[in-house]
C-alpha cells in the first residue's frame, strides 16, 4: 500500500506492472501474513539497466535551443 500511495495509483493499476517486473526477475516479493514486501534484485543485469535508464530520465536537460540566426 505504501508503493500504491507513493505513485498515487490503485492496486489494480500497480499489480500488473509488479507482476511483469517479477517475471523478469527485477523484483522479489516476500509474503509474511498479509504483508507483502517488494525488493529489487540488484544481481539481475536488467535491474541495473533499468536503474541507469531511470537516472538518465531524472537528469535535468538544458531546454535552450541553439540560436539559428
PDB file of N, CA and C in Angstrom:
ATOM      1  N   UNK A   1       0.826  -1.198   0.000  1.00  0.00           N
ATOM      2  CA  UNK A   1       0.000   0.000   0.000  1.00  0.00           C
ATOM      3  C   UNK A   1       0.866   1.255   0.000  1.00  0.00           C
ATOM      4  N   UNK A   2       2.060   1.176   0.607  1.00  0.00           N
ATOM      5  CA  UNK A   2       2.945   2.342   0.602  1.00  0.00           C
ATOM      6  C   UNK A   2       3.338   2.706  -0.828  1.00  0.00           C
ATOM      7  N   UNK A   3       3.653   1.698  -1.622  1.00  0.00           N
ATOM      8  CA  UNK A   3       4.023   1.936  -3.023  1.00  0.00           C
ATOM      9  C   UNK A   3       2.850   2.537  -3.794  1.00  0.00           C
ATOM     10  N   UNK A   4       1.672   1.999  -3.580  1.00  0.00           N
ATOM     11  CA  UNK A   4       0.485   2.488  -4.290  1.00  0.00           C
ATOM     12  C   UNK A   4       0.210   3.950  -3.939  1.00  0.00           C
ATOM     13  N   UNK A   5       0.349   4.288  -2.651  1.00  0.00           N
ATOM     14  CA  UNK A   5       0.151   5.685  -2.247  1.00  0.00           C
ATOM     15  C   UNK A   5       1.240   6.578  -2.828  1.00  0.00           C
ATOM     16  N   UNK A   6       2.475   6.073  -2.826  1.00  0.00           N
ATOM     17  CA  UNK A   6       3.595   6.887  -3.308  1.00  0.00           C
ATOM     18  C   UNK A   6       3.437   7.258  -4.786  1.00  0.00           C
ATOM     19  N   UNK A   7       2.927   6.329  -5.591  1.00  0.00           N
ATOM     20  CA  UNK A   7       2.751   6.606  -7.021  1.00  0.00           C
ATOM     21  C   UNK A   7       1.345   7.117  -7.346  1.00  0.00           C
ATOM     22  N   UNK A   8       0.552   7.364  -6.273  1.00  0.00           N
ATOM     23  CA  UNK A   8      -0.797   7.910  -6.436  1.00  0.00           C
ATOM     24  C   UNK A   8      -1.612   7.094  -7.442  1.00  0.00           C
ATOM     25  N   UNK A   9      -1.741   5.796  -7.160  1.00  0.00           N
ATOM     26  CA  UNK A   9      -2.405   4.894  -8.079  1.00  0.00           C
ATOM     27  C   UNK A   9      -3.317   3.948  -7.309  1.00  0.00           C
ATOM     28  N   UNK A  10      -3.709   2.872  -7.962  1.00  0.00           N
ATOM     29  CA  UNK A  10      -4.543   1.854  -7.333  1.00  0.00           C
ATOM     30  C   UNK A  10      -3.845   0.506  -7.450  1.00  0.00           C
ATOM     31  N   UNK A  11      -4.278  -0.427  -6.605  1.00  0.00           N
ATOM     32  CA  UNK A  11      -3.698  -1.776  -6.623  1.00  0.00           C
ATOM     33  C   UNK A  11      -3.864  -2.407  -8.004  1.00  0.00           C
ATOM     34  N   UNK A  12      -5.045  -2.267  -8.592  1.00  0.00           N
ATOM     35  CA  UNK A  12      -5.304  -2.900  -9.891  1.00  0.00           C
ATOM     36  C   UNK A  12      -4.451  -2.306 -11.009  1.00  0.00           C
ATOM     37  N   UNK A  13      -3.969  -1.080 -10.835  1.00  0.00           N
ATOM     38  CA  UNK A  13      -3.077  -0.480 -11.838  1.00  0.00           C
ATOM     39  C   UNK A  13      -1.628  -0.866 -11.596  1.00  0.00           C
ATOM     40  N   UNK A  14      -1.228  -0.979 -10.339  1.00  0.00           N
ATOM     41  CA  UNK A  14       0.170  -1.248  -9.997  1.00  0.00           C
ATOM     42  C   UNK A  14       0.510  -2.731 -10.099  1.00  0.00           C
ATOM     43  N   UNK A  15      -0.390  -3.593  -9.674  1.00  0.00           N
ATOM     44  CA  UNK A  15      -0.080  -5.019  -9.586  1.00  0.00           C
ATOM     45  C   UNK A  15       0.376  -5.647 -10.908  1.00  0.00           C
ATOM     46  N   UNK A  16      -0.248  -5.374 -12.054  1.00  0.00           N
ATOM     47  CA  UNK A  16       0.247  -5.976 -13.305  1.00  0.00           C
ATOM     48  C   UNK A  16       1.692  -5.580 -13.623  1.00  0.00           C
ATOM     49  N   UNK A  17       2.059  -4.349 -13.280  1.00  0.00           N
ATOM     50  CA  UNK A  17       3.432  -3.905 -13.504  1.00  0.00           C
ATOM     51  C   UNK A  17       4.395  -4.642 -12.574  1.00  0.00           C
ATOM     52  N   UNK A  18       3.978  -4.838 -11.332  1.00  0.00           N
ATOM     53  CA  UNK A  18       4.803  -5.597 -10.396  1.00  0.00           C
ATOM     54  C   UNK A  18       4.967  -7.042 -10.857  1.00  0.00           C
ATOM     55  N   UNK A  19       3.902  -7.622 -11.394  1.00  0.00           N
ATOM     56  CA  UNK A  19       3.980  -8.990 -11.898  1.00  0.00           C
ATOM     57  C   UNK A  19       4.972  -9.091 -13.059  1.00  0.00           C
ATOM     58  N   UNK A  20       4.969  -8.099 -13.930  1.00  0.00           N
ATOM     59  CA  UNK A  20       5.915  -8.089 -15.049  1.00  0.00           C
ATOM     60  C   UNK A  20       7.350  -7.969 -14.551  1.00  0.00           C
ATOM     61  N   UNK A  21       7.576  -7.067 -13.602  1.00  0.00           N
ATOM     62  CA  UNK A  21       8.923  -6.909 -13.036  1.00  0.00           C
ATOM     63  C   UNK A  21       9.375  -8.184 -12.332  1.00  0.00           C
ATOM     64  N   UNK A  22       8.453  -8.861 -11.683  1.00  0.00           N
ATOM     65  CA  UNK A  22       8.793 -10.119 -11.010  1.00  0.00           C
ATOM     66  C   UNK A  22       9.105 -11.209 -12.037  1.00  0.00           C
ATOM     67  N   UNK A  23       8.318 -11.273 -13.091  1.00  0.00           N
ATOM     68  CA  UNK A  23       8.542 -12.260 -14.155  1.00  0.00           C
ATOM     69  C   UNK A  23       9.925 -12.086 -14.777  1.00  0.00           C
ATOM     70  N   UNK A  24      10.370 -10.838 -14.920  1.00  0.00           N
ATOM     71  CA  UNK A  24      11.680 -10.536 -15.493  1.00  0.00           C
ATOM     72  C   UNK A  24      12.811 -10.679 -14.473  1.00  0.00           C
ATOM     73  N   UNK A  25      12.464 -10.960 -13.229  1.00  0.00           N
ATOM     74  CA  UNK A  25      13.470 -11.144 -12.194  1.00  0.00           C
ATOM     75  C   UNK A  25      14.045  -9.840 -11.657  1.00  0.00           C
ATOM     76  N   UNK A  26      13.352  -8.743 -11.896  1.00  0.00           N
ATOM     77  CA  UNK A  26      13.832  -7.432 -11.455  1.00  0.00           C
ATOM     78  C   UNK A  26      13.480  -7.182  -9.997  1.00  0.00           C
ATOM     79  N   UNK A  27      12.376  -7.751  -9.548  1.00  0.00           N
ATOM     80  CA  UNK A  27      11.986  -7.619  -8.144  1.00  0.00           C
ATOM     81  C   UNK A  27      11.712  -8.996  -7.548  1.00  0.00           C
ATOM     82  N   UNK A  28      11.795  -9.053  -6.221  1.00  0.00           N
ATOM     83  CA  UNK A  28      11.364 -10.206  -5.437  1.00  0.00           C
ATOM     84  C   UNK A  28      10.188  -9.737  -4.600  1.00  0.00           C
ATOM     85  N   UNK A  29       9.285 -10.624  -4.305  1.00  0.00           N
ATOM     86  CA  UNK A  29       8.302 -10.277  -3.285  1.00  0.00           C
ATOM     87  C   UNK A  29       8.279 -11.378  -2.250  1.00  0.00           C
ATOM     88  N   UNK A  30       8.093 -10.958  -1.017  1.00  0.00           N
ATOM     89  CA  UNK A  30       8.037 -11.875   0.111  1.00  0.00           C
ATOM     90  C   UNK A  30       6.734 -11.621   0.848  1.00  0.00           C
ATOM     91  N   UNK A  31       6.105 -12.699   1.255  1.00  0.00           N
ATOM     92  CA  UNK A  31       4.857 -12.577   1.995  1.00  0.00           C
ATOM     93  C   UNK A  31       5.078 -12.994   3.436  1.00  0.00           C
ATOM     94  N   UNK A  32       4.553 -12.208   4.336  1.00  0.00           N
ATOM     95  CA  UNK A  32       4.583 -12.518   5.756  1.00  0.00           C
ATOM     96  C   UNK A  32       3.178 -12.185   6.278  1.00  0.00           C
ATOM     97  N   UNK A  33       2.334 -13.187   6.317  1.00  0.00           N
ATOM     98  CA  UNK A  33       0.933 -12.934   6.646  1.00  0.00           C
ATOM     99  C   UNK A  33       0.289 -12.133   5.538  1.00  0.00           C
ATOM    100  N   UNK A  34      -0.332 -11.028   5.899  1.00  0.00           N
ATOM    101  CA  UNK A  34      -0.964 -10.163   4.888  1.00  0.00           C
ATOM    102  C   UNK A  34      -0.002  -9.136   4.323  1.00  0.00           C
ATOM    103  N   UNK A  35       1.207  -9.073   4.887  1.00  0.00           N
ATOM    104  CA  UNK A  35       2.215  -8.092   4.464  1.00  0.00           C
ATOM    105  C   UNK A  35       2.979  -8.643   3.252  1.00  0.00           C
ATOM    106  N   UNK A  36       3.153  -7.814   2.268  1.00  0.00           N
ATOM    107  CA  UNK A  36       3.934  -8.154   1.069  1.00  0.00           C
ATOM    108  C   UNK A  36       5.056  -7.147   0.962  1.00  0.00           C
ATOM    109  N   UNK A  37       6.286  -7.650   0.975  1.00  0.00           N
ATOM    110  CA  UNK A  37       7.458  -6.795   0.851  1.00  0.00           C
ATOM    111  C   UNK A  37       8.056  -7.012  -0.524  1.00  0.00           C
ATOM    112  N   UNK A  38       8.346  -5.914  -1.215  1.00  0.00           N
ATOM    113  CA  UNK A  38       8.909  -5.978  -2.565  1.00  0.00           C
ATOM    114  C   UNK A  38      10.309  -5.392  -2.518  1.00  0.00           C
ATOM    115  N   UNK A  39      11.275  -6.149  -3.083  1.00  0.00           N
ATOM    116  CA  UNK A  39      12.661  -5.676  -3.100  1.00  0.00           C
ATOM    117  C   UNK A  39      13.235  -5.827  -4.504  1.00  0.00           C
ATOM    118  N   UNK A  40      14.180  -4.945  -4.826  1.00  0.00           N
ATOM    119  CA  UNK A  40      14.888  -5.037  -6.100  1.00  0.00           C
ATOM    120  C   UNK A  40      15.857  -6.199  -6.077  1.00  0.00           C
ATOM    121  N   UNK A  41      15.998  -6.877  -7.199  1.00  0.00           N
ATOM    122  CA  UNK A  41      17.008  -7.914  -7.365  1.00  0.00           C
ATOM    123  C   UNK A  41      18.216  -7.231  -8.002  1.00  0.00           C
ATOM    124  N   UNK A  42      19.107  -6.734  -7.171  1.00  0.00           N
ATOM    125  CA  UNK A  42      20.252  -5.966  -7.664  1.00  0.00           C
ATOM    126  C   UNK A  42      21.265  -6.823  -8.408  1.00  0.00           C
ATOM    127  N   UNK A  43      21.136  -8.138  -8.327  1.00  0.00           N
ATOM    128  CA  UNK A  43      22.048  -9.034  -9.030  1.00  0.00           C
ATOM    129  C   UNK A  43      21.666  -9.209 -10.507  1.00  0.00           C
ATOM    130  N   UNK A  44      20.445  -8.870 -10.865  1.00  0.00           N
ATOM    131  CA  UNK A  44      19.965  -9.038 -12.233  1.00  0.00           C
ATOM    132  C   UNK A  44      20.474  -7.890 -13.107  1.00  0.00           C
ATOM    133  N   UNK A  45      21.151  -8.196 -14.218  1.00  0.00           N
ATOM    134  CA  UNK A  45      21.630  -7.128 -15.119  1.00  0.00           C
ATOM    135  C   UNK A  45      20.497  -6.235 -15.634  1.00  0.00           C
ATOM    136  N   UNK A  46      19.299  -6.795 -15.792  1.00  0.00           N
ATOM    137  CA  UNK A  46      18.161  -5.988 -16.246  1.00  0.00           C
ATOM    138  C   UNK A  46      17.827  -4.900 -15.227  1.00  0.00           C
ATOM    139  N   UNK A  47      17.990  -5.221 -13.951  1.00  0.00           N
ATOM    140  CA  UNK A  47      17.730  -4.236 -12.901  1.00  0.00           C
ATOM    141  C   UNK A  47      18.709  -3.083 -13.023  1.00  0.00           C
ATOM    142  N   UNK A  48      19.972  -3.399 -13.260  1.00  0.00           N
ATOM    143  CA  UNK A  48      20.986  -2.352 -13.392  1.00  0.00           C
ATOM    144  C   UNK A  48      20.690  -1.453 -14.587  1.00  0.00           C
ATOM    145  N   UNK A  49      20.262  -2.041 -15.707  1.00  0.00           N
ATOM    146  CA  UNK A  49      19.911  -1.247 -16.893  1.00  0.00           C
ATOM    147  C   UNK A  49      18.700  -0.351 -16.622  1.00  0.00           C
ATOM    148  N   UNK A  50      17.725  -0.907 -15.927  1.00  0.00           N
ATOM    149  CA  UNK A  50      16.538  -0.128 -15.597  1.00  0.00           C
ATOM    150  C   UNK A  50      16.882   1.045 -14.690  1.00  0.00           C
ATOM    151  N   UNK A  51      17.725   0.813 -13.690  1.00  0.00           N
ATOM    152  CA  UNK A  51      18.139   1.891 -12.798  1.00  0.00           C
ATOM    153  C   UNK A  51      18.931   2.964 -13.544  1.00  0.00           C
ATOM    154  N   UNK A  52      19.771   2.548 -14.483  1.00  0.00           N
ATOM    155  CA  UNK A  52      20.520   3.511 -15.305  1.00  0.00           C
ATOM    156  C   UNK A  52      19.567   4.378 -16.118  1.00  0.00           C
ATOM    157  N   UNK A  53      18.572   3.740 -16.726  1.00  0.00           N
ATOM    158  CA  UNK A  53      17.600   4.483 -17.534  1.00  0.00           C
ATOM    159  C   UNK A  53      16.831   5.477 -16.676  1.00  0.00           C
ATOM    160  N   UNK A  54      16.460   5.080 -15.468  1.00  0.00           N
ATOM    161  CA  UNK A  54      15.739   5.995 -14.575  1.00  0.00           C
ATOM    162  C   UNK A  54      16.610   7.174 -14.173  1.00  0.00           C
ATOM    163  N   UNK A  55      17.902   6.933 -13.950  1.00  0.00           N
ATOM    164  CA  UNK A  55      18.815   8.042 -13.609  1.00  0.00           C
ATOM    165  C   UNK A  55      18.903   9.023 -14.774  1.00  0.00           C
ATOM    166  N   UNK A  56      18.972   8.505 -15.980  1.00  0.00           N
ATOM    167  CA  UNK A  56      19.045   9.366 -17.162  1.00  0.00           C
ATOM    168  C   UNK A  56      17.778  10.210 -17.269  1.00  0.00           C
ATOM    169  N   UNK A  57      16.625   9.592 -17.037  1.00  0.00           N
ATOM    170  CA  UNK A  57      15.364  10.319 -17.129  1.00  0.00           C
ATOM    171  C   UNK A  57      15.240  11.383 -16.040  1.00  0.00           C
ATOM    172  N   UNK A  58      15.882  11.175 -14.900  1.00  0.00           N
ATOM    173  CA  UNK A  58      15.821  12.152 -13.813  1.00  0.00           C
ATOM    174  C   UNK A  58      16.800  13.305 -14.001  1.00  0.00           C
ATOM    175  N   UNK A  59      17.764  13.159 -14.901  1.00  0.00           N
ATOM    176  CA  UNK A  59      18.767  14.183 -15.121  1.00  0.00           C
ATOM    177  C   UNK A  59      18.132  15.375 -15.826  1.00  0.00           C
ATOM    178  N   UNK A  60      18.270  16.573 -15.240  1.00  0.00           N
ATOM    179  CA  UNK A  60      17.700  17.760 -15.901  1.00  0.00           C
ATOM    180  C   UNK A  60      18.389  17.999 -17.247  1.00  0.00           C
ATOM    181  N   UNK A  61      17.620  18.448 -18.193  1.00  0.00           N
ATOM    182  CA  UNK A  61      18.174  18.757 -19.512  1.00  0.00           C
ATOM    183  C   UNK A  61      18.130  20.255 -19.729  1.00  0.00           C
ATOM    184  N   UNK A  62      19.009  20.729 -20.572  1.00  0.00           N
ATOM    185  CA  UNK A  62      19.038  22.141 -20.918  1.00  0.00           C
ATOM    186  C   UNK A  62      18.085  22.337 -22.095  1.00  0.00           C
ATOM    187  N   UNK A  63      17.007  23.047 -21.884  1.00  0.00           N
ATOM    188  CA  UNK A  63      15.985  23.231 -22.917  1.00  0.00           C
ATOM    189  C   UNK A  63      16.313  24.342 -23.904  1.00  0.00           C
ATOM    190  N   UNK A  64      17.462  24.971 -23.740  1.00  0.00           N
ATOM    191  CA  UNK A  64      17.815  26.054 -24.646  1.00  0.00           C
ATOM    192  C   UNK A  64      18.186  25.477 -26.012  1.00  0.00           C
ATOM    193  N   UNK A  65      17.612  26.043 -27.044  1.00  0.00           N
ATOM    194  CA  UNK A  65      17.931  25.639 -28.405  1.00  0.00           C
ATOM    195  C   UNK A  65      18.982  26.586 -28.969  1.00  0.00           C
ATOM    196  N   UNK A  66      19.866  26.061 -29.804  1.00  0.00           N
ATOM    197  CA  UNK A  66      20.857  26.959 -30.424  1.00  0.00           C
ATOM    198  C   UNK A  66      20.167  28.041 -31.255  1.00  0.00           C
ATOM    199  N   UNK A  67      20.729  29.230 -31.229  1.00  0.00           N
ATOM    200  CA  UNK A  67      20.181  30.351 -31.970  1.00  0.00           C
ATOM    201  C   UNK A  67      20.504  30.165 -33.449  1.00  0.00           C
ATOM    202  N   UNK A  68      19.464  30.137 -34.301  1.00  0.00           N
ATOM    203  CA  UNK A  68      19.656  29.907 -35.742  1.00  0.00           C
ATOM    204  C   UNK A  68      19.439  31.194 -36.521  1.00  0.00           C
ATOM    205  N   UNK A  69      20.228  32.215 -36.265  1.00  0.00           N
ATOM    206  CA  UNK A  69      20.100  33.481 -36.992  1.00  0.00           C
ATOM    207  C   UNK A  69      20.969  33.507 -38.194  1.00  0.00           C
TER     208      UNK A  69
END
